[in-house]
Amino acid sequence: MNRAEEASLAWALVDSAVFLRADARAWVCAKIGAGDLDSSIRDLLDGFGRYGAALPGELVISLMDWLGGYSGSDVEADLRHLVSRVRISATPVKQAAVSTAGRQQARLTATRRWSLPRKTALPPAKATLTGSLGLRSGIEN
């Protein structure tokens, strides 16, 4: 499983984690956004096991792929125990009833909504001799 697939699994777990309070959800999302995917997935799996929430069946294959990445490692047994506590749902998760049939997908483009202030011309600087201290620049009036 590569990092993109691991990130997709983490986001799918967050979307399925109905047990998360708003502050905990924000914290897990921040961890995922910061790239702390392994810890986030472990925390979410622990929550699924602790609260008895059912993991959607369509995530099982991705979860097993993620777990397979730890095959032969020191943490494999701990992760297998963590995953064994998770209940798997037999029914698929209901998706939002938004049909995309017949619609073109909007293309994302960057737009500039702000502009830098214009630089105004300053009067020319005048160099003046200041003795042993060297040159000092001043503004002519």
Protein backbone atom coordinates (compact mmCIF):
# COMPACT_ATOMS: atom_id res chain seq x y z
CA MET A 1 0.00 0.00 0.00
CA ASN A 2 1.46 3.35 -0.98
CA ARG A 3 1.06 6.66 0.89
CA ALA A 4 -1.86 7.82 -1.28
CA GLU A 5 -3.78 4.61 -0.63
CA GLU A 6 -2.96 4.85 3.08
CA ALA A 7 -4.25 8.43 3.14
CA SER A 8 -7.44 7.34 1.36
CA LEU A 9 -7.94 4.62 3.97
CA ALA A 10 -7.42 7.12 6.80
CA TRP A 11 -9.95 9.58 5.33
CA ALA A 12 -12.46 6.77 4.71
CA LEU A 13 -12.08 5.65 8.33
CA VAL A 14 -12.72 9.22 9.53
CA ASP A 15 -15.82 9.45 7.35
CA SER A 16 -17.08 6.17 8.84
CA ALA A 17 -16.23 6.99 12.46
CA VAL A 18 -19.66 8.03 13.74
CA PHE A 19 -18.38 7.79 17.32
CA LEU A 20 -16.00 10.76 16.98
CA ARG A 21 -16.94 14.03 18.68
CA ALA A 22 -16.30 17.22 16.72
CA ASP A 23 -13.08 18.07 18.58
CA ALA A 24 -11.69 14.54 18.22
CA ARG A 25 -12.62 14.50 14.53
CA ALA A 26 -10.80 17.81 14.00
CA TRP A 27 -7.72 16.45 15.79
CA VAL A 28 -7.63 13.26 13.69
CA CYS A 29 -8.14 15.28 10.50
CA ALA A 30 -5.22 17.52 11.47
CA LYS A 31 -3.03 14.46 12.08
CA ILE A 32 -3.96 12.99 8.70
CA GLY A 33 -3.35 16.33 6.99
CA ALA A 34 0.06 16.53 8.65
CA GLY A 35 0.94 13.10 7.25
CA ASP A 36 0.72 11.13 10.50
CA LEU A 37 -1.28 8.41 8.76
CA ASP A 38 -0.12 5.38 10.74
CA SER A 39 -1.00 6.87 14.13
CA SER A 40 -4.31 8.20 12.81
CA ILE A 41 -5.36 4.82 11.45
CA ARG A 42 -4.38 3.11 14.70
CA ASP A 43 -6.36 5.66 16.76
CA LEU A 44 -9.40 5.24 14.54
CA LEU A 45 -9.24 1.43 14.67
CA ASP A 46 -8.93 1.64 18.45
CA GLY A 47 -12.06 3.80 18.48
CA PHE A 48 -13.97 1.37 16.28
CA GLY A 49 -13.05 -1.43 18.68
CA ARG A 50 -13.68 0.52 21.88
CA TYR A 51 -17.07 1.92 20.87
CA GLY A 52 -18.26 -1.16 19.01
CA ALA A 53 -18.87 0.85 15.84
CA ALA A 54 -19.08 -1.18 12.66
CA LEU A 55 -16.46 -0.67 9.99
CA PRO A 56 -18.00 -0.53 6.50
CA GLY A 57 -17.41 -3.77 4.61
CA GLU A 58 -15.95 -1.98 1.60
CA LEU A 59 -12.96 -0.86 3.72
CA VAL A 60 -11.92 -4.38 4.72
CA ILE A 61 -9.74 -5.00 1.66
CA SER A 62 -7.90 -1.69 2.13
CA LEU A 63 -7.51 -2.40 5.84
CA MET A 64 -6.04 -5.85 5.14
CA ASP A 65 -3.66 -4.32 2.56
CA TRP A 66 -2.55 -1.78 5.18
CA LEU A 67 -2.10 -4.54 7.77
CA GLY A 68 -0.12 -6.61 5.26
CA GLY A 69 2.46 -3.84 5.10
CA TYR A 70 3.41 -4.72 8.68
CA SER A 71 3.86 -8.43 7.97
CA GLY A 72 6.92 -9.72 9.82
CA SER A 73 7.43 -6.49 11.79
CA ASP A 74 7.56 -6.08 15.56
CA VAL A 75 4.14 -4.41 15.65
CA GLU A 76 2.28 -6.92 13.48
CA ALA A 77 0.83 -8.88 16.43
CA ASP A 78 -0.40 -5.68 18.13
CA LEU A 79 -2.02 -4.44 14.93
CA ARG A 80 -3.68 -7.80 14.27
CA HIS A 81 -5.11 -7.73 17.79
CA LEU A 82 -6.35 -4.16 17.20
CA VAL A 83 -8.01 -5.15 13.92
CA SER A 84 -9.56 -8.27 15.47
CA ARG A 85 -11.53 -6.06 17.89
CA VAL A 86 -13.19 -4.16 15.02
CA ARG A 87 -16.70 -5.20 14.04
CA ILE A 88 -17.33 -5.37 10.27
CA SER A 89 -20.64 -4.18 8.84
CA ALA A 90 -22.37 -6.44 6.33
CA THR A 91 -24.34 -3.56 4.80
CA PRO A 92 -22.66 -0.94 2.64
CA VAL A 93 -22.49 2.66 3.79
CA LYS A 94 -25.18 4.84 2.24
CA GLN A 95 -23.71 7.47 -0.04
CA ALA A 96 -25.14 10.93 -0.50
CA ALA A 97 -28.02 10.91 -2.96
CA VAL A 98 -26.31 13.20 -5.43
CA SER A 99 -26.37 12.02 -8.99
CA THR A 100 -23.50 13.02 -11.24
CA ALA A 101 -24.99 11.39 -14.33
CA GLY A 102 -25.14 13.75 -17.28
CA ARG A 103 -23.05 16.42 -15.57
CA GLN A 104 -19.54 17.37 -16.46
CA GLN A 105 -17.15 17.49 -13.55
CA ALA A 106 -16.07 21.03 -12.76
CA ARG A 107 -12.44 21.74 -13.50
CA LEU A 108 -10.45 23.26 -10.67
CA THR A 109 -8.50 26.34 -11.62
CA ALA A 110 -6.44 28.74 -9.58
CA THR A 111 -7.62 32.32 -9.53
CA ARG A 112 -6.04 35.38 -8.04
CA ARG A 113 -8.36 37.14 -5.64
CA TRP A 114 -6.01 39.67 -4.22
CA SER A 115 -3.23 41.85 -5.50
CA LEU A 116 -0.08 43.25 -4.04
CA PRO A 117 -0.01 46.98 -3.32
CA ARG A 118 1.61 49.02 -6.06
CA LYS A 119 5.07 50.26 -5.30
CA THR A 120 5.43 54.01 -5.36
CA ALA A 121 8.62 55.61 -6.51
CA LEU A 122 10.77 56.96 -3.68
CA PRO A 123 12.89 60.05 -4.17
CA PRO A 124 16.53 59.26 -5.00
CA ALA A 125 18.81 58.62 -2.02
CA LYS A 126 21.73 60.99 -1.37
CA ALA A 127 25.01 59.74 0.01
CA THR A 128 26.63 61.95 2.58
CA LEU A 129 30.09 61.67 4.12
CA THR A 130 29.97 61.08 7.87
CA GLY A 131 33.65 61.08 8.80
CA SER A 132 35.24 57.82 9.89
CA LEU A 133 31.88 55.99 10.10
CA GLY A 134 31.61 55.66 6.34
CA LEU A 135 28.66 56.52 4.11
CA ARG A 136 25.18 57.24 5.37
CA SER A 137 22.29 57.47 2.95
CA GLY A 138 19.67 60.12 3.37
CA ILE A 139 16.55 61.15 1.49
CA GLU A 140 16.60 64.41 -0.42
CA ASN A 141 13.66 66.67 0.19
